[in-house]
């Protein structure tokens, strides 16, 4: 491909990359700090790689989020989700309720449930396996994507098991994959400011490697736009690349932009904590990650819960090939102040992706294709949670055929 005009440093980095050289951590920092015309060149390269690897298909998974408890005492300063046991709105779902929600999800076409919760001080470490066993007893074909590395750390500590043994036991119970959340930024100094007690960067890496070596695949994440910057982002992506080089266990990267509105971190110090990443930084996060991870992690997902469907759709031109999950329920981003709703139905996913000129594909958690929507649509469904009159398709406006606008 021909690279659009850009500065000499960026040209040299992209030329070396095109010639087959990996983008180093130092060069990644240069790309993450790009401005002006350099951004257009970087996103053009990322989009070229996306087309080369993924073609014109954009995936999504039909799933449901089940946050089984919001009771948590870890004190993450960026989090608005956690409650104390005595707080109004604190909850800890029973196994019966969790199974019922999973059954509702499968009845709505879900192939996956994504299950995560707070670090509840009274919860036994065996509760994680109890959740998996209960769901699998009722729904043996449903994929369980569950328990962040932080939860794995907690369960292993409570049961006095090694990480590998704890994860292997969950796998034998029916766990399908693990969300690579709780990564935040894999930098010790930044993490100390984000939380005092949370999992260290080294422990996150250790647990992720343990999962991969136990044959359990995971996602990878980065949470950016707060007290971090290009140096931290490049180092984080380089760490993910090294893990993937060793294990091959990551299914995708999901960049998560910091939502500041109700975040204690921002509210306590708005002078020094940024209110999320800039537009340019969001574009660069997805594009530079695509370039640095090329040949290692080739699925780059956008988070509509953090950015909104319109902004997420725009990122399909910056190296993104996946729109994430339908979710049905969403608690964590909402708790931080995000206002983009709790669900994008499969029908709505297809309209958004198709309006971007791409081919919508329903996939499994591990990126096997279930259905390609070339010229037909999924069945239309009312959202699981009642909306306030707005839909994820509103931004399409005149681009949406009349009969769809009437039904949306």
Protein backbone atom coordinates (compact mmCIF):
# COMPACT_ATOMS: atom_id res chain seq x y z
CA UNK A 1 0.00 0.00 0.00
CA UNK A 2 1.05 3.62 -0.38
CA UNK A 3 1.30 5.47 2.93
CA UNK A 4 -0.36 8.91 2.99
CA UNK A 5 2.08 11.80 3.51
CA UNK A 6 3.34 11.94 7.09
CA UNK A 7 6.32 13.01 9.18
CA UNK A 8 9.73 11.47 8.68
CA UNK A 9 9.77 9.54 11.99
CA UNK A 10 6.37 7.96 11.33
CA UNK A 11 7.26 7.24 7.69
CA UNK A 12 10.39 5.40 8.80
CA UNK A 13 8.49 3.32 11.36
CA UNK A 14 5.78 2.35 8.89
CA UNK A 15 8.31 1.64 6.14
CA UNK A 16 10.25 -0.69 8.44
CA UNK A 17 7.01 -2.38 9.45
CA UNK A 18 5.98 -2.84 5.81
CA UNK A 19 9.38 -4.41 5.16
CA UNK A 20 8.64 -7.03 7.82
CA UNK A 21 10.08 -5.52 11.01
CA UNK A 22 8.02 -5.52 14.22
CA UNK A 23 7.13 -2.14 15.67
CA UNK A 24 9.26 -1.83 18.80
CA UNK A 25 7.94 -0.54 22.11
CA UNK A 26 9.86 2.71 21.55
CA UNK A 27 8.42 3.13 18.04
CA UNK A 28 4.97 2.30 19.37
CA UNK A 29 5.28 5.22 21.77
CA UNK A 30 6.03 7.49 18.79
CA UNK A 31 2.95 6.22 16.94
CA UNK A 32 0.69 6.60 20.00
CA UNK A 33 1.83 10.22 20.31
CA UNK A 34 1.11 11.05 16.67
CA UNK A 35 -0.70 14.21 15.62
CA UNK A 36 -2.17 15.74 12.48
CA UNK A 37 -1.42 14.01 9.18
CA UNK A 38 0.48 11.26 10.99
CA UNK A 39 -2.79 9.98 12.45
CA UNK A 40 -4.30 9.57 8.99
CA UNK A 41 -1.26 7.58 7.85
CA UNK A 42 -1.36 5.32 10.90
CA UNK A 43 -5.09 4.62 10.66
CA UNK A 44 -4.74 3.97 6.91
CA UNK A 45 -2.08 1.35 7.65
CA UNK A 46 -4.26 -0.21 10.35
CA UNK A 47 -7.26 -0.34 8.04
CA UNK A 48 -5.12 -1.98 5.35
CA UNK A 49 -4.03 -4.66 7.83
CA UNK A 50 -7.62 -5.18 8.96
CA UNK A 51 -8.68 -5.79 5.36
CA UNK A 52 -5.69 -8.05 4.74
CA UNK A 53 -6.43 -10.27 7.74
CA UNK A 54 -10.20 -10.04 8.27
CA UNK A 55 -11.52 -8.98 4.87
CA UNK A 56 -14.72 -6.94 5.00
CA UNK A 57 -16.38 -9.02 7.69
CA UNK A 58 -17.14 -7.47 11.09
CA UNK A 59 -18.10 -9.83 13.88
CA UNK A 60 -20.34 -9.71 16.92
CA UNK A 61 -21.44 -12.22 19.55
CA UNK A 62 -24.93 -12.60 20.99
CA UNK A 63 -24.36 -12.67 24.72
CA UNK A 64 -25.56 -11.47 28.09
CA UNK A 65 -23.62 -9.85 30.90
CA UNK A 66 -24.38 -11.20 34.36
CA UNK A 67 -22.68 -9.26 37.16
CA UNK A 68 -23.50 -11.61 40.02
CA UNK A 69 -22.44 -9.23 42.80
CA UNK A 70 -21.52 -5.56 42.99
CA UNK A 71 -20.29 -5.90 46.57
CA UNK A 72 -16.57 -5.22 46.54
CA UNK A 73 -14.02 -3.88 49.04
CA UNK A 74 -10.97 -3.49 46.81
CA UNK A 75 -11.16 0.29 46.51
CA UNK A 76 -10.43 0.74 42.79
CA UNK A 77 -10.46 4.53 42.45
CA UNK A 78 -11.68 4.54 38.84
CA UNK A 79 -14.67 2.28 39.57
CA UNK A 80 -18.23 3.46 40.22
CA UNK A 81 -19.63 -0.07 40.26
CA UNK A 82 -18.59 -1.33 43.70
CA UNK A 83 -20.90 -1.25 46.73
CA UNK A 84 -20.42 -2.05 50.41
CA UNK A 85 -22.71 -4.70 51.86
CA UNK A 86 -24.78 -2.11 53.71
CA UNK A 87 -25.17 0.23 50.71
CA UNK A 88 -28.47 0.71 48.94
CA UNK A 89 -28.41 -1.23 45.70
CA UNK A 90 -25.88 -3.80 46.92
CA UNK A 91 -26.68 -7.26 45.56
CA UNK A 92 -25.39 -10.81 45.46
CA UNK A 93 -27.33 -13.01 43.07
CA UNK A 94 -28.30 -16.53 44.02
CA UNK A 95 -27.30 -19.43 41.80
CA UNK A 96 -30.96 -19.81 40.84
CA UNK A 97 -31.14 -16.19 39.67
CA UNK A 98 -27.90 -16.52 37.70
CA UNK A 99 -29.20 -19.64 35.95
CA UNK A 100 -32.54 -17.98 35.20
CA UNK A 101 -30.77 -15.03 33.58
CA UNK A 102 -28.64 -17.41 31.54
CA UNK A 103 -31.76 -19.27 30.41
CA UNK A 104 -33.38 -15.99 29.38
CA UNK A 105 -30.27 -15.15 27.40
CA UNK A 106 -30.18 -18.44 25.53
CA UNK A 107 -33.88 -18.09 24.75
CA UNK A 108 -33.01 -14.75 23.11
CA UNK A 109 -30.35 -16.40 20.97
CA UNK A 110 -27.28 -15.97 23.16
CA UNK A 111 -24.38 -18.35 22.65
CA UNK A 112 -22.43 -16.88 25.57
CA UNK A 113 -22.89 -15.51 29.06
CA UNK A 114 -20.19 -13.17 30.37
CA UNK A 115 -20.02 -13.42 34.15
CA UNK A 116 -18.03 -11.18 36.47
CA UNK A 117 -18.53 -9.80 39.94
CA UNK A 118 -17.00 -7.79 42.72
CA UNK A 119 -14.57 -9.19 45.28
CA UNK A 120 -17.13 -9.99 47.98
CA UNK A 121 -15.42 -10.52 51.37
CA UNK A 122 -17.91 -13.18 52.47
CA UNK A 123 -18.00 -15.17 49.25
CA UNK A 124 -16.35 -18.61 49.37
CA UNK A 125 -13.76 -19.37 46.72
CA UNK A 126 -15.88 -22.33 45.61
CA UNK A 127 -18.70 -19.99 44.50
CA UNK A 128 -17.03 -19.55 41.10
CA UNK A 129 -17.16 -23.28 40.35
CA UNK A 130 -20.70 -23.41 41.77
CA UNK A 131 -21.80 -20.81 39.21
CA UNK A 132 -20.25 -22.73 36.32
CA UNK A 133 -21.68 -26.07 37.45
CA UNK A 134 -25.17 -24.62 37.93
CA UNK A 135 -25.26 -23.04 34.47
CA UNK A 136 -23.83 -26.10 32.74
CA UNK A 137 -26.35 -28.38 34.47
CA UNK A 138 -29.19 -26.34 32.98
CA UNK A 139 -27.58 -25.18 29.72
CA UNK A 140 -24.82 -27.57 28.65
CA UNK A 141 -24.26 -25.91 25.25
CA UNK A 142 -23.92 -22.32 26.49
CA UNK A 143 -20.38 -20.89 26.46
CA UNK A 144 -19.35 -19.48 29.84
CA UNK A 145 -16.94 -16.55 29.49
CA UNK A 146 -16.25 -15.72 33.09
CA UNK A 147 -14.12 -14.45 35.96
CA UNK A 148 -11.43 -11.82 35.49
CA UNK A 149 -7.83 -12.55 36.54
CA UNK A 150 -8.62 -10.63 39.73
CA UNK A 151 -11.44 -13.06 40.51
CA UNK A 152 -9.17 -16.00 39.66
CA UNK A 153 -6.60 -14.61 42.11
CA UNK A 154 -9.28 -14.27 44.79
CA UNK A 155 -10.76 -17.73 44.26
CA UNK A 156 -7.34 -19.38 44.19
CA UNK A 157 -6.34 -17.60 47.41
CA UNK A 158 -9.59 -18.56 49.13
CA UNK A 159 -9.29 -22.22 48.14
CA UNK A 160 -5.51 -22.36 48.63
CA UNK A 161 -5.05 -23.69 45.09
CA UNK A 162 -2.46 -22.71 42.50
CA UNK A 163 -3.72 -20.57 39.62
CA UNK A 164 -3.29 -23.43 37.14
CA UNK A 165 -5.14 -25.89 39.39
CA UNK A 166 -7.94 -23.41 40.10
CA UNK A 167 -8.41 -22.60 36.41
CA UNK A 168 -8.15 -26.27 35.40
CA UNK A 169 -10.88 -27.13 37.90
CA UNK A 170 -13.12 -24.40 36.48
CA UNK A 171 -12.42 -25.67 32.97
CA UNK A 172 -13.41 -29.21 34.01
CA UNK A 173 -16.62 -27.76 35.49
CA UNK A 174 -17.44 -26.13 32.13
CA UNK A 175 -15.69 -22.75 31.98
CA UNK A 176 -15.10 -21.85 28.34
CA UNK A 177 -12.92 -18.73 28.44
CA UNK A 178 -11.82 -15.86 30.68
CA UNK A 179 -12.25 -12.10 30.18
CA UNK A 180 -8.88 -10.36 30.37
CA UNK A 181 -10.25 -7.46 32.35
CA UNK A 182 -8.56 -6.02 35.47
CA UNK A 183 -5.52 -5.30 33.27
CA UNK A 184 -6.12 -1.54 33.33
CA UNK A 185 -2.56 -0.36 32.50
CA UNK A 186 0.21 -2.89 33.08
CA UNK A 187 2.46 -0.36 34.78
CA UNK A 188 3.24 -0.46 38.50
CA UNK A 189 3.30 3.30 39.14
CA UNK A 190 0.05 3.94 37.29
CA UNK A 191 -1.67 1.03 39.02
CA UNK A 192 -0.67 2.36 42.45
CA UNK A 193 -2.61 5.51 41.67
CA UNK A 194 -5.60 3.64 40.27
CA UNK A 195 -6.01 1.28 43.20
CA UNK A 196 -4.19 0.44 46.41
CA UNK A 197 -5.07 -3.24 46.73
CA UNK A 198 -5.80 -4.55 43.27
CA UNK A 199 -3.96 -7.26 41.41
CA UNK A 200 -0.42 -6.25 40.41
CA UNK A 201 0.63 -6.13 36.77
CA UNK A 202 2.93 -9.12 37.33
CA UNK A 203 0.11 -11.15 38.89
CA UNK A 204 -2.24 -10.30 36.02
CA UNK A 205 0.35 -11.57 33.54
CA UNK A 206 1.01 -14.68 35.65
CA UNK A 207 -2.68 -15.58 35.81
CA UNK A 208 -3.24 -14.95 32.11
CA UNK A 209 -0.29 -17.19 31.27
CA UNK A 210 -1.63 -19.83 33.68
CA UNK A 211 -5.01 -19.75 31.91
CA UNK A 212 -3.41 -20.11 28.49
CA UNK A 213 -1.20 -22.97 29.66
CA UNK A 214 -4.30 -24.67 31.11
CA UNK A 215 -5.91 -24.47 27.68
CA UNK A 216 -8.33 -21.67 28.55
CA UNK A 217 -8.32 -18.77 26.11
CA UNK A 218 -8.77 -15.17 27.25
CA UNK A 219 -9.41 -11.74 25.90
CA UNK A 220 -6.89 -8.91 26.38
CA UNK A 221 -7.83 -5.40 27.49
CA UNK A 222 -6.36 -1.98 28.15
CA UNK A 223 -8.15 0.78 30.07
CA UNK A 224 -6.78 4.15 28.98
CA UNK A 225 -7.34 7.90 29.11
CA UNK A 226 -6.92 8.73 32.82
CA UNK A 227 -3.39 9.28 34.25
CA UNK A 228 -1.60 7.37 31.51
CA UNK A 229 -0.06 8.20 28.15
CA UNK A 230 1.72 6.89 25.01
CA UNK A 231 4.65 5.43 26.98
CA UNK A 232 2.32 3.30 29.10
CA UNK A 233 0.14 2.25 26.16
CA UNK A 234 3.05 1.06 24.06
CA UNK A 235 4.56 -0.87 26.96
CA UNK A 236 1.19 -2.49 27.70
CA UNK A 237 0.65 -3.60 24.10
CA UNK A 238 4.23 -4.90 23.94
CA UNK A 239 3.58 -7.05 27.03
CA UNK A 240 0.45 -8.50 25.42
CA UNK A 241 2.42 -9.26 22.27
CA UNK A 242 5.08 -11.15 24.24
CA UNK A 243 2.45 -13.21 26.05
CA UNK A 244 0.78 -14.05 22.76
CA UNK A 245 4.11 -14.95 21.18
CA UNK A 246 4.57 -17.48 24.00
CA UNK A 247 1.05 -18.86 24.45
CA UNK A 248 -1.20 -17.92 21.52
CA UNK A 249 -4.05 -17.78 24.02
CA UNK A 250 -5.58 -14.34 23.39
CA UNK A 251 -8.69 -14.21 21.21
CA UNK A 252 -8.86 -10.43 20.83
CA UNK A 253 -7.86 -7.04 22.19
CA UNK A 254 -10.59 -4.84 23.64
CA UNK A 255 -9.46 -1.24 24.29
CA UNK A 256 -11.63 0.29 27.04
CA UNK A 257 -11.68 4.06 27.19
CA UNK A 258 -11.89 5.56 30.68
CA UNK A 259 -15.40 6.80 31.54
CA UNK A 260 -14.92 9.66 33.97
CA UNK A 261 -18.39 11.02 34.80
CA UNK A 262 -19.01 9.13 38.05
CA UNK A 263 -15.49 7.79 38.58
CA UNK A 264 -14.10 8.53 42.06
CA UNK A 265 -10.63 8.90 40.53
CA UNK A 266 -11.72 11.80 38.35
CA UNK A 267 -14.14 13.39 40.80
CA UNK A 268 -11.46 13.53 43.49
CA UNK A 269 -8.81 15.15 41.27
CA UNK A 270 -10.18 16.55 37.98
CA UNK A 271 -7.10 18.75 37.62
CA UNK A 272 -4.71 15.84 37.19
CA UNK A 273 -7.00 13.05 35.96
CA UNK A 274 -8.11 13.38 32.36
CA UNK A 275 -11.79 13.02 31.43
CA UNK A 276 -11.15 10.07 29.16
CA UNK A 277 -9.10 9.86 25.96
CA UNK A 278 -9.36 12.40 23.15
CA UNK A 279 -10.89 11.53 19.79
CA UNK A 280 -7.40 11.22 18.30
CA UNK A 281 -6.24 8.98 21.15
CA UNK A 282 -9.18 6.64 20.68
CA UNK A 283 -8.39 6.32 16.97
CA UNK A 284 -4.71 5.76 17.68
CA UNK A 285 -5.34 3.20 20.41
CA UNK A 286 -7.19 0.93 18.02
CA UNK A 287 -4.96 1.62 15.02
CA UNK A 288 -1.55 1.34 16.70
CA UNK A 289 -2.68 -1.78 18.55
CA UNK A 290 -3.65 -3.31 15.22
CA UNK A 291 -0.19 -2.53 13.83
CA UNK A 292 1.84 -3.63 16.86
CA UNK A 293 -0.17 -6.84 17.29
CA UNK A 294 -0.32 -7.76 13.58
CA UNK A 295 0.19 -11.49 13.22
CA UNK A 296 -0.24 -12.01 16.96
CA UNK A 297 -3.71 -10.74 17.96
CA UNK A 298 -5.65 -10.09 14.78
CA UNK A 299 -9.07 -9.34 16.28
CA UNK A 300 -9.42 -5.74 17.48
CA UNK A 301 -12.76 -5.01 19.13
CA UNK A 302 -14.46 -1.69 19.74
CA UNK A 303 -16.49 -1.10 22.91
CA UNK A 304 -19.88 0.43 22.09
CA UNK A 305 -20.67 0.54 25.81
CA UNK A 306 -17.81 2.98 26.40
CA UNK A 307 -17.98 4.96 23.16
CA UNK A 308 -21.53 4.62 21.89
CA UNK A 309 -22.62 2.88 18.67
CA UNK A 310 -21.86 5.83 16.39
CA UNK A 311 -18.29 6.33 17.59
CA UNK A 312 -17.74 2.57 17.66
CA UNK A 313 -18.87 2.34 14.04
CA UNK A 314 -16.36 5.05 13.03
CA UNK A 315 -13.54 2.90 14.42
CA UNK A 316 -14.26 0.25 11.79
CA UNK A 317 -12.05 2.50 9.62
CA UNK A 318 -9.19 2.45 12.15
CA UNK A 319 -8.30 -1.22 12.21
CA UNK A 320 -11.32 -2.60 14.11
CA UNK A 321 -12.97 -5.81 12.89
CA UNK A 322 -15.31 -6.64 15.77
CA UNK A 323 -18.27 -4.92 17.44
CA UNK A 324 -18.31 -6.98 20.62
CA UNK A 325 -21.40 -8.39 22.27
CA UNK A 326 -25.10 -7.58 22.42
CA UNK A 327 -24.79 -7.71 26.26
CA UNK A 328 -28.54 -7.44 27.09
CA UNK A 329 -27.51 -6.00 30.47
CA UNK A 330 -24.61 -3.66 31.22
CA UNK A 331 -23.68 -2.49 34.70
CA UNK A 332 -20.04 -1.47 34.96
CA UNK A 333 -19.88 1.27 32.30
CA UNK A 334 -23.27 2.60 33.41
CA UNK A 335 -22.02 2.82 36.98
CA UNK A 336 -19.17 5.05 35.79
CA UNK A 337 -21.61 7.34 34.00
CA UNK A 338 -21.76 5.97 30.45
CA UNK A 339 -25.12 6.61 28.83
CA UNK A 340 -25.19 4.35 25.78
CA UNK A 341 -27.76 1.83 26.95
CA UNK A 342 -27.51 -1.80 27.93
CA UNK A 343 -28.09 -3.69 24.69
CA UNK A 344 -27.56 -3.56 20.96
CA UNK A 345 -29.68 -6.40 19.60
CA UNK A 346 -28.39 -8.70 16.86
CA UNK A 347 -30.71 -7.02 14.37
CA UNK A 348 -29.34 -3.59 15.34
CA UNK A 349 -25.74 -4.86 15.18
CA UNK A 350 -26.30 -5.94 11.60
CA UNK A 351 -27.75 -2.55 10.59
CA UNK A 352 -24.85 -0.63 12.18
CA UNK A 353 -22.17 -2.81 10.60
CA UNK A 354 -23.84 -2.89 7.20
CA UNK A 355 -24.27 0.92 7.22
CA UNK A 356 -20.46 1.13 7.49
CA UNK A 357 -20.13 -0.83 4.26
CA UNK A 358 -19.03 -4.03 5.99
CA UNK A 359 -20.42 -7.57 6.13
CA UNK A 360 -21.99 -8.45 9.50
CA UNK A 361 -21.05 -11.84 10.94
CA UNK A 362 -22.41 -13.49 14.06
CA UNK A 363 -19.54 -15.39 15.70
CA UNK A 364 -18.82 -17.53 18.71
CA UNK A 365 -16.76 -16.35 21.68
CA UNK A 366 -13.66 -17.87 20.08
CA UNK A 367 -14.32 -16.36 16.64
CA UNK A 368 -15.85 -19.25 14.75
CA UNK A 369 -18.41 -17.97 12.23
CA UNK A 370 -22.01 -18.87 12.99
CA UNK A 371 -23.83 -16.86 10.34
CA UNK A 372 -22.95 -14.33 7.66
CA UNK A 373 -25.60 -11.67 7.08
CA UNK A 374 -24.90 -10.81 3.45
CA UNK A 375 -28.43 -9.87 2.45
CA UNK A 376 -30.70 -10.99 5.29
CA UNK A 377 -31.20 -9.91 8.89
CA UNK A 378 -31.49 -11.59 12.28
CA UNK A 379 -34.95 -11.74 13.80
CA UNK A 380 -36.00 -8.47 15.38
CA UNK A 381 -36.40 -8.41 19.14
CA UNK A 382 -37.52 -5.91 21.70
CA UNK A 383 -34.66 -5.02 24.06
CA UNK A 384 -34.50 -7.02 27.27
CA UNK A 385 -34.37 -3.81 29.34
CA UNK A 386 -36.86 -1.06 28.48
CA UNK A 387 -35.25 1.97 26.83
CA UNK A 388 -35.90 5.68 27.24
CA UNK A 389 -37.19 6.16 23.71
CA UNK A 390 -33.78 6.21 22.02
CA UNK A 391 -32.30 3.30 20.06
CA UNK A 392 -28.74 2.42 18.99
CA UNK A 393 -29.84 3.11 15.41
CA UNK A 394 -30.83 6.75 15.94
CA UNK A 395 -27.50 8.10 14.68
CA UNK A 396 -28.02 6.48 11.27
CA UNK A 397 -30.85 8.93 10.58
CA UNK A 398 -31.50 9.32 6.87
CA UNK A 399 -29.11 6.47 6.09
CA UNK A 400 -31.54 3.99 7.62
CA UNK A 401 -34.32 2.75 5.32
CA UNK A 402 -37.75 4.05 6.28
CA UNK A 403 -39.23 0.72 7.23
CA UNK A 404 -36.36 0.11 9.64
CA UNK A 405 -36.70 3.51 11.26
CA UNK A 406 -40.37 2.83 11.92
CA UNK A 407 -39.58 -0.48 13.61
CA UNK A 408 -36.46 0.54 15.53
